[in-house]
Amino acid sequence: MKILLLVCIGSFFGGGARYLVGKVVQSWIAVSFPWGTMAVNVIGCFLIGLLSGLSLGGQISPTTKLVLVTGFCGGFTTFSTFMNENLLLGRDGAMLSAMLYTLLSLALGQIAVIIGYQIVK
């Protein structure tokens, strides 16, 4: 239960950071392209790579990794988790699985959004 609470706290702060970073970046650029979300996704990917690397090297504890990677990065952007999982699949030699995961995530995610919109029409 303690670990769950720590992950929830990390997620809380990650979600708040996502909102703030997205709004700040978007306010700098006056175009309709979602630069704020793009910035959050790229920053999240950098953070999850850095934190996962530190974890593999033993510089951060498994509990700290859960709080920062699962909690904060998960609350900040699930895109970072998606990209990290793809890296791990590819690193383990499962390139076909990595490609399939990417294609299915994009296609099924888009279909799910469309269905969600259609339900409330």
PDB file of N, CA and C in Angstrom:
ATOM      1  N   MET A   1       0.822  -1.187   0.000  1.00  0.00           N
ATOM      2  CA  MET A   1       0.000   0.000   0.000  1.00  0.00           C
ATOM      3  C   MET A   1       0.873   1.261   0.000  1.00  0.00           C
ATOM      4  N   LYS A   2       2.017   1.186   0.679  1.00  0.00           N
ATOM      5  CA  LYS A   2       2.932   2.329   0.727  1.00  0.00           C
ATOM      6  C   LYS A   2       3.442   2.654  -0.682  1.00  0.00           C
ATOM      7  N   ILE A   3       3.811   1.630  -1.444  1.00  0.00           N
ATOM      8  CA  ILE A   3       4.320   1.830  -2.800  1.00  0.00           C
ATOM      9  C   ILE A   3       3.244   2.467  -3.678  1.00  0.00           C
ATOM     10  N   LEU A   4       2.014   1.982  -3.562  1.00  0.00           N
ATOM     11  CA  LEU A   4       0.915   2.550  -4.347  1.00  0.00           C
ATOM     12  C   LEU A   4       0.742   4.035  -4.035  1.00  0.00           C
ATOM     13  N   LEU A   5       0.796   4.384  -2.779  1.00  0.00           N
ATOM     14  CA  LEU A   5       0.658   5.783  -2.376  1.00  0.00           C
ATOM     15  C   LEU A   5       1.799   6.628  -2.957  1.00  0.00           C
ATOM     16  N   LEU A   6       3.008   6.103  -2.930  1.00  0.00           N
ATOM     17  CA  LEU A   6       4.154   6.830  -3.484  1.00  0.00           C
ATOM     18  C   LEU A   6       4.009   7.034  -4.991  1.00  0.00           C
ATOM     19  N   VAL A   7       3.542   5.997  -5.692  1.00  0.00           N
ATOM     20  CA  VAL A   7       3.319   6.110  -7.136  1.00  0.00           C
ATOM     21  C   VAL A   7       2.227   7.148  -7.406  1.00  0.00           C
ATOM     22  N   CYS A   8       1.171   7.145  -6.604  1.00  0.00           N
ATOM     23  CA  CYS A   8       0.088   8.126  -6.764  1.00  0.00           C
ATOM     24  C   CYS A   8       0.590   9.546  -6.542  1.00  0.00           C
ATOM     25  N   ILE A   9       1.451   9.739  -5.564  1.00  0.00           N
ATOM     26  CA  ILE A   9       2.018  11.066  -5.316  1.00  0.00           C
ATOM     27  C   ILE A   9       2.860  11.505  -6.517  1.00  0.00           C
ATOM     28  N   GLY A  10       3.687  10.604  -7.019  1.00  0.00           N
ATOM     29  CA  GLY A  10       4.484  10.920  -8.210  1.00  0.00           C
ATOM     30  C   GLY A  10       3.599  11.260  -9.395  1.00  0.00           C
ATOM     31  N   SER A  11       2.529  10.513  -9.575  1.00  0.00           N
ATOM     32  CA  SER A  11       1.591  10.748 -10.668  1.00  0.00           C
ATOM     33  C   SER A  11       0.902  12.107 -10.533  1.00  0.00           C
ATOM     34  N   PHE A  12       0.547  12.464  -9.312  1.00  0.00           N
ATOM     35  CA  PHE A  12      -0.067  13.760  -9.037  1.00  0.00           C
ATOM     36  C   PHE A  12       0.833  14.898  -9.529  1.00  0.00           C
ATOM     37  N   PHE A  13       2.098  14.837  -9.152  1.00  0.00           N
ATOM     38  CA  PHE A  13       3.028  15.885  -9.547  1.00  0.00           C
ATOM     39  C   PHE A  13       3.343  15.831 -11.044  1.00  0.00           C
ATOM     40  N   GLY A  14       3.396  14.629 -11.607  1.00  0.00           N
ATOM     41  CA  GLY A  14       3.618  14.500 -13.045  1.00  0.00           C
ATOM     42  C   GLY A  14       2.479  15.100 -13.851  1.00  0.00           C
ATOM     43  N   GLY A  15       1.244  14.859 -13.426  1.00  0.00           N
ATOM     44  CA  GLY A  15       0.087  15.436 -14.109  1.00  0.00           C
ATOM     45  C   GLY A  15       0.083  16.951 -14.028  1.00  0.00           C
ATOM     46  N   GLY A  16       0.409  17.478 -12.868  1.00  0.00           N
ATOM     47  CA  GLY A  16       0.499  18.926 -12.713  1.00  0.00           C
ATOM     48  C   GLY A  16       1.583  19.518 -13.592  1.00  0.00           C
ATOM     49  N   ALA A  17       2.733  18.849 -13.635  1.00  0.00           N
ATOM     50  CA  ALA A  17       3.840  19.319 -14.470  1.00  0.00           C
ATOM     51  C   ALA A  17       3.461  19.267 -15.950  1.00  0.00           C
ATOM     52  N   ARG A  18       2.728  18.229 -16.343  1.00  0.00           N
ATOM     53  CA  ARG A  18       2.282  18.121 -17.742  1.00  0.00           C
ATOM     54  C   ARG A  18       1.433  19.330 -18.117  1.00  0.00           C
ATOM     55  N   TYR A  19       0.488  19.672 -17.258  1.00  0.00           N
ATOM     56  CA  TYR A  19      -0.384  20.811 -17.515  1.00  0.00           C
ATOM     57  C   TYR A  19       0.432  22.104 -17.636  1.00  0.00           C
ATOM     58  N   LEU A  20       1.315  22.343 -16.672  1.00  0.00           N
ATOM     59  CA  LEU A  20       2.094  23.586 -16.660  1.00  0.00           C
ATOM     60  C   LEU A  20       3.044  23.689 -17.851  1.00  0.00           C
ATOM     61  N   VAL A  21       3.804  22.638 -18.104  1.00  0.00           N
ATOM     62  CA  VAL A  21       4.757  22.662 -19.216  1.00  0.00           C
ATOM     63  C   VAL A  21       4.017  22.831 -20.542  1.00  0.00           C
ATOM     64  N   GLY A  22       2.941  22.090 -20.730  1.00  0.00           N
ATOM     65  CA  GLY A  22       2.166  22.191 -21.966  1.00  0.00           C
ATOM     66  C   GLY A  22       1.625  23.591 -22.193  1.00  0.00           C
ATOM     67  N   LYS A  23       1.076  24.195 -21.149  1.00  0.00           N
ATOM     68  CA  LYS A  23       0.513  25.547 -21.264  1.00  0.00           C
ATOM     69  C   LYS A  23       1.603  26.578 -21.538  1.00  0.00           C
ATOM     70  N   VAL A  24       2.724  26.488 -20.830  1.00  0.00           N
ATOM     71  CA  VAL A  24       3.807  27.451 -21.022  1.00  0.00           C
ATOM     72  C   VAL A  24       4.357  27.365 -22.445  1.00  0.00           C
ATOM     73  N   VAL A  25       4.662  26.159 -22.891  1.00  0.00           N
ATOM     74  CA  VAL A  25       5.221  25.997 -24.239  1.00  0.00           C
ATOM     75  C   VAL A  25       4.212  26.471 -25.281  1.00  0.00           C
ATOM     76  N   GLN A  26       2.962  26.096 -25.147  1.00  0.00           N
ATOM     77  CA  GLN A  26       1.952  26.493 -26.127  1.00  0.00           C
ATOM     78  C   GLN A  26       1.763  28.008 -26.151  1.00  0.00           C
ATOM     79  N   SER A  27       1.910  28.662 -24.999  1.00  0.00           N
ATOM     80  CA  SER A  27       1.740  30.120 -24.953  1.00  0.00           C
ATOM     81  C   SER A  27       2.889  30.846 -25.663  1.00  0.00           C
ATOM     82  N   TRP A  28       4.045  30.204 -25.788  1.00  0.00           N
ATOM     83  CA  TRP A  28       5.176  30.812 -26.479  1.00  0.00           C
ATOM     84  C   TRP A  28       4.984  30.829 -27.992  1.00  0.00           C
ATOM     85  N   ILE A  29       4.162  29.896 -28.486  1.00  0.00           N
ATOM     86  CA  ILE A  29       4.020  29.713 -29.928  1.00  0.00           C
ATOM     87  C   ILE A  29       2.548  29.904 -30.298  1.00  0.00           C
ATOM     88  N   ALA A  30       2.292  30.848 -31.180  1.00  0.00           N
ATOM     89  CA  ALA A  30       0.903  31.188 -31.514  1.00  0.00           C
ATOM     90  C   ALA A  30       0.428  30.476 -32.788  1.00  0.00           C
ATOM     91  N   VAL A  31       0.599  29.175 -32.831  1.00  0.00           N
ATOM     92  CA  VAL A  31       0.072  28.383 -33.952  1.00  0.00           C
ATOM     93  C   VAL A  31      -0.756  27.249 -33.379  1.00  0.00           C
ATOM     94  N   SER A  32      -1.588  26.662 -34.218  1.00  0.00           N
ATOM     95  CA  SER A  32      -2.504  25.636 -33.719  1.00  0.00           C
ATOM     96  C   SER A  32      -1.860  24.254 -33.563  1.00  0.00           C
ATOM     97  N   PHE A  33      -0.629  24.069 -34.009  1.00  0.00           N
ATOM     98  CA  PHE A  33       0.058  22.787 -33.825  1.00  0.00           C
ATOM     99  C   PHE A  33       0.268  22.548 -32.331  1.00  0.00           C
ATOM    100  N   PRO A  34       0.051  21.331 -31.847  1.00  0.00           N
ATOM    101  CA  PRO A  34       0.157  21.067 -30.398  1.00  0.00           C
ATOM    102  C   PRO A  34       1.597  20.956 -29.889  1.00  0.00           C
ATOM    103  N   TRP A  35       2.333  22.062 -29.963  1.00  0.00           N
ATOM    104  CA  TRP A  35       3.725  22.077 -29.520  1.00  0.00           C
ATOM    105  C   TRP A  35       3.864  21.772 -28.028  1.00  0.00           C
ATOM    106  N   GLY A  36       2.885  22.202 -27.224  1.00  0.00           N
ATOM    107  CA  GLY A  36       2.941  21.936 -25.789  1.00  0.00           C
ATOM    108  C   GLY A  36       2.943  20.447 -25.495  1.00  0.00           C
ATOM    109  N   THR A  37       2.058  19.721 -26.149  1.00  0.00           N
ATOM    110  CA  THR A  37       1.990  18.269 -25.971  1.00  0.00           C
ATOM    111  C   THR A  37       3.248  17.606 -26.515  1.00  0.00           C
ATOM    112  N   MET A  38       3.731  18.088 -27.661  1.00  0.00           N
ATOM    113  CA  MET A  38       4.960  17.539 -28.245  1.00  0.00           C
ATOM    114  C   MET A  38       6.124  17.722 -27.271  1.00  0.00           C
ATOM    115  N   ALA A  39       6.226  18.901 -26.675  1.00  0.00           N
ATOM    116  CA  ALA A  39       7.307  19.164 -25.719  1.00  0.00           C
ATOM    117  C   ALA A  39       7.210  18.232 -24.517  1.00  0.00           C
ATOM    118  N   VAL A  40       6.003  18.064 -23.995  1.00  0.00           N
ATOM    119  CA  VAL A  40       5.794  17.165 -22.857  1.00  0.00           C
ATOM    120  C   VAL A  40       6.217  15.744 -23.226  1.00  0.00           C
ATOM    121  N   ASN A  41       5.828  15.275 -24.401  1.00  0.00           N
ATOM    122  CA  ASN A  41       6.184  13.915 -24.817  1.00  0.00           C
ATOM    123  C   ASN A  41       7.686  13.732 -24.952  1.00  0.00           C
ATOM    124  N   VAL A  42       8.358  14.707 -25.540  1.00  0.00           N
ATOM    125  CA  VAL A  42       9.819  14.595 -25.720  1.00  0.00           C
ATOM    126  C   VAL A  42      10.533  14.685 -24.376  1.00  0.00           C
ATOM    127  N   ILE A  43      10.122  15.627 -23.544  1.00  0.00           N
ATOM    128  CA  ILE A  43      10.724  15.757 -22.211  1.00  0.00           C
ATOM    129  C   ILE A  43      10.493  14.469 -21.414  1.00  0.00           C
ATOM    130  N   GLY A  44       9.273  13.930 -21.488  1.00  0.00           N
ATOM    131  CA  GLY A  44       8.961  12.688 -20.781  1.00  0.00           C
ATOM    132  C   GLY A  44       9.819  11.533 -21.252  1.00  0.00           C
ATOM    133  N   CYS A  45      10.047  11.453 -22.565  1.00  0.00           N
ATOM    134  CA  CYS A  45      10.909  10.385 -23.102  1.00  0.00           C
ATOM    135  C   CYS A  45      12.338  10.533 -22.599  1.00  0.00           C
ATOM    136  N   PHE A  46      12.827  11.773 -22.576  1.00  0.00           N
ATOM    137  CA  PHE A  46      14.172  12.009 -22.041  1.00  0.00           C
ATOM    138  C   PHE A  46      14.249  11.587 -20.576  1.00  0.00           C
ATOM    139  N   LEU A  47      13.265  12.017 -19.785  1.00  0.00           N
ATOM    140  CA  LEU A  47      13.270  11.702 -18.350  1.00  0.00           C
ATOM    141  C   LEU A  47      13.202  10.202 -18.093  1.00  0.00           C
ATOM    142  N   ILE A  48      12.324   9.485 -18.817  1.00  0.00           N
ATOM    143  CA  ILE A  48      12.198   8.051 -18.561  1.00  0.00           C
ATOM    144  C   ILE A  48      13.468   7.319 -18.982  1.00  0.00           C
ATOM    145  N   GLY A  49      14.119   7.797 -20.047  1.00  0.00           N
ATOM    146  CA  GLY A  49      15.390   7.196 -20.448  1.00  0.00           C
ATOM    147  C   GLY A  49      16.475   7.435 -19.409  1.00  0.00           C
ATOM    148  N   LEU A  50      16.558   8.676 -18.936  1.00  0.00           N
ATOM    149  CA  LEU A  50      17.541   9.031 -17.916  1.00  0.00           C
ATOM    150  C   LEU A  50      17.315   8.242 -16.628  1.00  0.00           C
ATOM    151  N   LEU A  51      16.078   8.237 -16.159  1.00  0.00           N
ATOM    152  CA  LEU A  51      15.768   7.559 -14.890  1.00  0.00           C
ATOM    153  C   LEU A  51      15.923   6.041 -14.993  1.00  0.00           C
ATOM    154  N   SER A  52      15.516   5.475 -16.132  1.00  0.00           N
ATOM    155  CA  SER A  52      15.679   4.026 -16.319  1.00  0.00           C
ATOM    156  C   SER A  52      17.152   3.654 -16.399  1.00  0.00           C
ATOM    157  N   GLY A  53      17.935   4.503 -17.061  1.00  0.00           N
ATOM    158  CA  GLY A  53      19.380   4.278 -17.117  1.00  0.00           C
ATOM    159  C   GLY A  53      20.022   4.358 -15.744  1.00  0.00           C
ATOM    160  N   LEU A  54      19.601   5.343 -14.960  1.00  0.00           N
ATOM    161  CA  LEU A  54      20.121   5.459 -13.586  1.00  0.00           C
ATOM    162  C   LEU A  54      19.736   4.236 -12.756  1.00  0.00           C
ATOM    163  N   SER A  55      18.535   3.741 -12.977  1.00  0.00           N
ATOM    164  CA  SER A  55      18.073   2.557 -12.249  1.00  0.00           C
ATOM    165  C   SER A  55      18.905   1.323 -12.617  1.00  0.00           C
ATOM    166  N   LEU A  56      19.151   1.156 -13.917  1.00  0.00           N
ATOM    167  CA  LEU A  56      19.964   0.015 -14.361  1.00  0.00           C
ATOM    168  C   LEU A  56      21.373   0.085 -13.788  1.00  0.00           C
ATOM    169  N   GLY A  57      21.893   1.297 -13.663  1.00  0.00           N
ATOM    170  CA  GLY A  57      23.234   1.479 -13.111  1.00  0.00           C
ATOM    171  C   GLY A  57      23.280   1.452 -11.598  1.00  0.00           C
ATOM    172  N   GLY A  58      22.129   1.297 -10.950  1.00  0.00           N
ATOM    173  CA  GLY A  58      22.083   1.230  -9.498  1.00  0.00           C
ATOM    174  C   GLY A  58      22.160   2.573  -8.796  1.00  0.00           C
ATOM    175  N   GLN A  59      22.051   3.682  -9.551  1.00  0.00           N
ATOM    176  CA  GLN A  59      22.145   5.003  -8.922  1.00  0.00           C
ATOM    177  C   GLN A  59      20.853   5.422  -8.228  1.00  0.00           C
ATOM    178  N   ILE A  60      19.730   4.800  -8.586  1.00  0.00           N
ATOM    179  CA  ILE A  60      18.481   5.058  -7.863  1.00  0.00           C
ATOM    180  C   ILE A  60      17.862   3.721  -7.461  1.00  0.00           C
ATOM    181  N   SER A  61      17.169   3.743  -6.349  1.00  0.00           N
ATOM    182  CA  SER A  61      16.589   2.508  -5.810  1.00  0.00           C
ATOM    183  C   SER A  61      15.346   2.099  -6.605  1.00  0.00           C
ATOM    184  N   PRO A  62      14.945   0.833  -6.488  1.00  0.00           N
ATOM    185  CA  PRO A  62      13.714   0.391  -7.149  1.00  0.00           C
ATOM    186  C   PRO A  62      12.485   1.206  -6.715  1.00  0.00           C
ATOM    187  N   THR A  63      12.426   1.601  -5.448  1.00  0.00           N
ATOM    188  CA  THR A  63      11.292   2.407  -4.972  1.00  0.00           C
ATOM    189  C   THR A  63      11.311   3.788  -5.611  1.00  0.00           C
ATOM    190  N   THR A  64      12.482   4.395  -5.681  1.00  0.00           N
ATOM    191  CA  THR A  64      12.608   5.706  -6.319  1.00  0.00           C
ATOM    192  C   THR A  64      12.232   5.605  -7.793  1.00  0.00           C
ATOM    193  N   LYS A  65      12.649   4.524  -8.438  1.00  0.00           N
ATOM    194  CA  LYS A  65      12.288   4.314  -9.844  1.00  0.00           C
ATOM    195  C   LYS A  65      10.769   4.237  -9.990  1.00  0.00           C
ATOM    196  N   LEU A  66      10.110   3.513  -9.119  1.00  0.00           N
ATOM    197  CA  LEU A  66       8.643   3.428  -9.183  1.00  0.00           C
ATOM    198  C   LEU A  66       7.998   4.802  -9.038  1.00  0.00           C
ATOM    199  N   VAL A  67       8.460   5.582  -8.083  1.00  0.00           N
ATOM    200  CA  VAL A  67       7.888   6.915  -7.854  1.00  0.00           C
ATOM    201  C   VAL A  67       8.122   7.809  -9.069  1.00  0.00           C
ATOM    202  N   LEU A  68       9.351   7.827  -9.579  1.00  0.00           N
ATOM    203  CA  LEU A  68       9.696   8.757 -10.653  1.00  0.00           C
ATOM    204  C   LEU A  68       9.294   8.262 -12.046  1.00  0.00           C
ATOM    205  N   VAL A  69       9.517   6.985 -12.331  1.00  0.00           N
ATOM    206  CA  VAL A  69       9.216   6.464 -13.671  1.00  0.00           C
ATOM    207  C   VAL A  69       7.726   6.139 -13.798  1.00  0.00           C
ATOM    208  N   THR A  70       7.232   5.264 -12.938  1.00  0.00           N
ATOM    209  CA  THR A  70       5.823   4.873 -13.021  1.00  0.00           C
ATOM    210  C   THR A  70       4.916   6.020 -12.593  1.00  0.00           C
ATOM    211  N   GLY A  71       5.251   6.682 -11.493  1.00  0.00           N
ATOM    212  CA  GLY A  71       4.420   7.757 -10.968  1.00  0.00           C
ATOM    213  C   GLY A  71       4.555   9.048 -11.742  1.00  0.00           C
ATOM    214  N   PHE A  72       5.706   9.728 -11.584  1.00  0.00           N
ATOM    215  CA  PHE A  72       5.867  11.038 -12.195  1.00  0.00           C
ATOM    216  C   PHE A  72       5.784  10.985 -13.722  1.00  0.00           C
ATOM    217  N   CYS A  73       6.618  10.130 -14.340  1.00  0.00           N
ATOM    218  CA  CYS A  73       6.609  10.066 -15.806  1.00  0.00           C
ATOM    219  C   CYS A  73       5.265   9.552 -16.331  1.00  0.00           C
ATOM    220  N   GLY A  74       4.664   8.615 -15.608  1.00  0.00           N
ATOM    221  CA  GLY A  74       3.346   8.121 -16.010  1.00  0.00           C
ATOM    222  C   GLY A  74       2.284   9.197 -15.941  1.00  0.00           C
ATOM    223  N   GLY A  75       2.362  10.055 -14.918  1.00  0.00           N
ATOM    224  CA  GLY A  75       1.433  11.173 -14.816  1.00  0.00           C
ATOM    225  C   GLY A  75       1.772  12.283 -15.803  1.00  0.00           C
ATOM    226  N   PHE A  76       3.046  12.426 -16.101  1.00  0.00           N
ATOM    227  CA  PHE A  76       3.506  13.469 -17.023  1.00  0.00           C
ATOM    228  C   PHE A  76       3.111  13.116 -18.453  1.00  0.00           C
ATOM    229  N   THR A  77       3.386  11.873 -18.865  1.00  0.00           N
ATOM    230  CA  THR A  77       3.018  11.417 -20.203  1.00  0.00           C
ATOM    231  C   THR A  77       3.147   9.905 -20.300  1.00  0.00           C
ATOM    232  N   THR A  78       2.097   9.232 -20.735  1.00  0.00           N
ATOM    233  CA  THR A  78       2.230   7.790 -20.962  1.00  0.00           C
ATOM    234  C   THR A  78       2.981   7.512 -22.258  1.00  0.00           C
ATOM    235  N   PHE A  79       3.159   8.534 -23.077  1.00  0.00           N
ATOM    236  CA  PHE A  79       3.935   8.371 -24.304  1.00  0.00           C
ATOM    237  C   PHE A  79       5.354   7.936 -23.983  1.00  0.00           C
ATOM    238  N   SER A  80       5.913   8.465 -22.900  1.00  0.00           N
ATOM    239  CA  SER A  80       7.274   8.090 -22.518  1.00  0.00           C
ATOM    240  C   SER A  80       7.349   6.604 -22.167  1.00  0.00           C
ATOM    241  N   THR A  81       6.331   6.099 -21.493  1.00  0.00           N
ATOM    242  CA  THR A  81       6.297   4.674 -21.168  1.00  0.00           C
ATOM    243  C   THR A  81       6.192   3.848 -22.444  1.00  0.00           C
ATOM    244  N   PHE A  82       5.350   4.282 -23.348  1.00  0.00           N
ATOM    245  CA  PHE A  82       5.179   3.615 -24.643  1.00  0.00           C
ATOM    246  C   PHE A  82       6.515   3.536 -25.383  1.00  0.00           C
ATOM    247  N   MET A  83       7.235   4.648 -25.441  1.00  0.00           N
ATOM    248  CA  MET A  83       8.510   4.662 -26.144  1.00  0.00           C
ATOM    249  C   MET A  83       9.553   3.805 -25.436  1.00  0.00           C
ATOM    250  N   ASN A  84       9.571   3.832 -24.102  1.00  0.00           N
ATOM    251  CA  ASN A  84      10.514   3.010 -23.345  1.00  0.00           C
ATOM    252  C   ASN A  84      10.238   1.522 -23.570  1.00  0.00           C
ATOM    253  N   GLU A  85       8.960   1.147 -23.577  1.00  0.00           N
ATOM    254  CA  GLU A  85       8.617  -0.255 -23.813  1.00  0.00           C
ATOM    255  C   GLU A  85       9.042  -0.686 -25.214  1.00  0.00           C
ATOM    256  N   ASN A  86       8.900   0.201 -26.190  1.00  0.00           N
ATOM    257  CA  ASN A  86       9.358  -0.102 -27.544  1.00  0.00           C
ATOM    258  C   ASN A  86      10.866  -0.299 -27.585  1.00  0.00           C
ATOM    259  N   LEU A  87      11.591   0.555 -26.875  1.00  0.00           N
ATOM    260  CA  LEU A  87      13.042   0.422 -26.812  1.00  0.00           C
ATOM    261  C   LEU A  87      13.423  -0.926 -26.211  1.00  0.00           C
ATOM    262  N   LEU A  88      12.762  -1.290 -25.124  1.00  0.00           N
ATOM    263  CA  LEU A  88      13.072  -2.564 -24.466  1.00  0.00           C
ATOM    264  C   LEU A  88      12.773  -3.745 -25.372  1.00  0.00           C
ATOM    265  N   LEU A  89      11.652  -3.688 -26.086  1.00  0.00           N
ATOM    266  CA  LEU A  89      11.333  -4.766 -27.042  1.00  0.00           C
ATOM    267  C   LEU A  89      12.419  -4.862 -28.110  1.00  0.00           C
ATOM    268  N   GLY A  90      12.801  -3.718 -28.669  1.00  0.00           N
ATOM    269  CA  GLY A  90      13.837  -3.714 -29.699  1.00  0.00           C
ATOM    270  C   GLY A  90      15.183  -4.170 -29.181  1.00  0.00           C
ATOM    271  N   ARG A  91      15.517  -3.725 -27.984  1.00  0.00           N
ATOM    272  CA  ARG A  91      16.792  -4.108 -27.377  1.00  0.00           C
ATOM    273  C   ARG A  91      16.851  -5.607 -27.117  1.00  0.00           C
ATOM    274  N   ASP A  92      15.697  -6.187 -26.810  1.00  0.00           N
ATOM    275  CA  ASP A  92      15.631  -7.628 -26.570  1.00  0.00           C
ATOM    276  C   ASP A  92      15.518  -8.427 -27.868  1.00  0.00           C
ATOM    277  N   GLY A  93      15.617  -7.738 -29.010  1.00  0.00           N
ATOM    278  CA  GLY A  93      15.588  -8.418 -30.299  1.00  0.00           C
ATOM    279  C   GLY A  93      14.192  -8.674 -30.841  1.00  0.00           C
ATOM    280  N   ALA A  94      13.187  -8.131 -30.207  1.00  0.00           N
ATOM    281  CA  ALA A  94      11.798  -8.358 -30.643  1.00  0.00           C
ATOM    282  C   ALA A  94      11.329  -7.186 -31.506  1.00  0.00           C
ATOM    283  N   MET A  95      12.023  -6.934 -32.614  1.00  0.00           N
ATOM    284  CA  MET A  95      11.701  -5.797 -33.480  1.00  0.00           C
ATOM    285  C   MET A  95      10.300  -5.919 -34.072  1.00  0.00           C
ATOM    286  N   LEU A  96       9.899  -7.117 -34.449  1.00  0.00           N
ATOM    287  CA  LEU A  96       8.554  -7.307 -34.989  1.00  0.00           C
ATOM    288  C   LEU A  96       7.509  -6.938 -33.935  1.00  0.00           C
ATOM    289  N   SER A  97       7.732  -7.367 -32.704  1.00  0.00           N
ATOM    290  CA  SER A  97       6.819  -7.014 -31.619  1.00  0.00           C
ATOM    291  C   SER A  97       6.796  -5.505 -31.387  1.00  0.00           C
ATOM    292  N   ALA A  98       7.954  -4.859 -31.452  1.00  0.00           N
ATOM    293  CA  ALA A  98       8.028  -3.414 -31.265  1.00  0.00           C
ATOM    294  C   ALA A  98       7.238  -2.688 -32.355  1.00  0.00           C
ATOM    295  N   MET A  99       7.395  -3.120 -33.595  1.00  0.00           N
ATOM    296  CA  MET A  99       6.658  -2.494 -34.696  1.00  0.00           C
ATOM    297  C   MET A  99       5.161  -2.751 -34.568  1.00  0.00           C
ATOM    298  N   LEU A 100       4.807  -3.971 -34.216  1.00  0.00           N
ATOM    299  CA  LEU A 100       3.400  -4.312 -34.051  1.00  0.00           C
ATOM    300  C   LEU A 100       2.786  -3.506 -32.901  1.00  0.00           C
ATOM    301  N   TYR A 101       3.510  -3.379 -31.814  1.00  0.00           N
ATOM    302  CA  TYR A 101       3.049  -2.593 -30.665  1.00  0.00           C
ATOM    303  C   TYR A 101       2.812  -1.137 -31.072  1.00  0.00           C
ATOM    304  N   THR A 102       3.743  -0.581 -31.843  1.00  0.00           N
ATOM    305  CA  THR A 102       3.599   0.800 -32.298  1.00  0.00           C
ATOM    306  C   THR A 102       2.382   0.957 -33.207  1.00  0.00           C
ATOM    307  N   LEU A 103       2.285   0.117 -34.211  1.00  0.00           N
ATOM    308  CA  LEU A 103       1.175   0.223 -35.163  1.00  0.00           C
ATOM    309  C   LEU A 103      -0.175  -0.011 -34.495  1.00  0.00           C
ATOM    310  N   LEU A 104      -0.261  -1.041 -33.670  1.00  0.00           N
ATOM    311  CA  LEU A 104      -1.530  -1.314 -32.986  1.00  0.00           C
ATOM    312  C   LEU A 104      -1.897  -0.201 -32.008  1.00  0.00           C
ATOM    313  N   SER A 105      -0.915   0.327 -31.295  1.00  0.00           N
ATOM    314  CA  SER A 105      -1.196   1.404 -30.351  1.00  0.00           C
ATOM    315  C   SER A 105      -1.741   2.626 -31.067  1.00  0.00           C
ATOM    316  N   LEU A 106      -1.120   2.992 -32.188  1.00  0.00           N
ATOM    317  CA  LEU A 106      -1.576   4.160 -32.937  1.00  0.00           C
ATOM    318  C   LEU A 106      -2.943   3.911 -33.575  1.00  0.00           C
ATOM    319  N   ALA A 107      -3.083   2.781 -34.251  1.00  0.00           N
ATOM    320  CA  ALA A 107      -4.342   2.494 -34.945  1.00  0.00           C
ATOM    321  C   ALA A 107      -5.495   2.292 -33.967  1.00  0.00           C
ATOM    322  N   LEU A 108      -5.309   1.434 -32.975  1.00  0.00           N
ATOM    323  CA  LEU A 108      -6.388   1.178 -32.019  1.00  0.00           C
ATOM    324  C   LEU A 108      -6.685   2.397 -31.156  1.00  0.00           C
ATOM    325  N   GLY A 109      -5.649   3.158 -30.819  1.00  0.00           N
ATOM    326  CA  GLY A 109      -5.863   4.388 -30.063  1.00  0.00           C
ATOM    327  C   GLY A 109      -6.702   5.379 -30.852  1.00  0.00           C
ATOM    328  N   GLN A 110      -6.392   5.541 -32.136  1.00  0.00           N
ATOM    329  CA  GLN A 110      -7.169   6.465 -32.975  1.00  0.00           C
ATOM    330  C   GLN A 110      -8.608   5.980 -33.125  1.00  0.00           C
ATOM    331  N   ILE A 111      -8.791   4.687 -33.339  1.00  0.00           N
ATOM    332  CA  ILE A 111     -10.142   4.117 -33.451  1.00  0.00           C
ATOM    333  C   ILE A 111     -10.911   4.331 -32.147  1.00  0.00           C
ATOM    334  N   ALA A 112     -10.253   4.119 -31.011  1.00  0.00           N
ATOM    335  CA  ALA A 112     -10.915   4.295 -29.716  1.00  0.00           C
ATOM    336  C   ALA A 112     -11.353   5.742 -29.509  1.00  0.00           C
ATOM    337  N   VAL A 113     -10.510   6.700 -29.921  1.00  0.00           N
ATOM    338  CA  VAL A 113     -10.885   8.112 -29.801  1.00  0.00           C
ATOM    339  C   VAL A 113     -12.099   8.410 -30.684  1.00  0.00           C
ATOM    340  N   ILE A 114     -12.083   7.915 -31.904  1.00  0.00           N
ATOM    341  CA  ILE A 114     -13.211   8.130 -32.822  1.00  0.00           C
ATOM    342  C   ILE A 114     -14.489   7.540 -32.241  1.00  0.00           C
ATOM    343  N   ILE A 115     -14.422   6.324 -31.726  1.00  0.00           N
ATOM    344  CA  ILE A 115     -15.600   5.686 -31.119  1.00  0.00           C
ATOM    345  C   ILE A 115     -16.085   6.497 -29.928  1.00  0.00           C
ATOM    346  N   GLY A 116     -15.150   6.959 -29.092  1.00  0.00           N
ATOM    347  CA  GLY A 116     -15.528   7.781 -27.956  1.00  0.00           C
ATOM    348  C   GLY A 116     -16.288   9.024 -28.374  1.00  0.00           C
ATOM    349  N   TYR A 117     -15.800   9.696 -29.416  1.00  0.00           N
ATOM    350  CA  TYR A 117     -16.499  10.878 -29.922  1.00  0.00           C
ATOM    351  C   TYR A 117     -17.874  10.509 -30.469  1.00  0.00           C
ATOM    352  N   GLN A 118     -17.939   9.378 -31.171  1.00  0.00           N
ATOM    353  CA  GLN A 118     -19.211   8.968 -31.778  1.00  0.00           C
ATOM    354  C   GLN A 118     -20.263   8.629 -30.739  1.00  0.00           C
ATOM    355  N   ILE A 119     -19.857   8.084 -29.618  1.00  0.00           N
ATOM    356  CA  ILE A 119     -20.798   7.710 -28.556  1.00  0.00           C
ATOM    357  C   ILE A 119     -21.515   8.932 -28.007  1.00  0.00           C
ATOM    358  N   VAL A 120     -20.822  10.030 -27.880  1.00  0.00           N
ATOM    359  CA  VAL A 120     -21.436  11.210 -27.280  1.00  0.00           C
ATOM    360  C   VAL A 120     -22.103  12.137 -28.286  1.00  0.00           C
ATOM    361  N   LYS A 121     -22.064  11.811 -29.553  1.00  0.00           N
ATOM    362  CA  LYS A 121     -22.700  12.640 -30.579  1.00  0.00           C
ATOM    363  C   LYS A 121     -24.198  12.616 -30.451  1.00  0.00           C
TER     364      LYS A 121
END
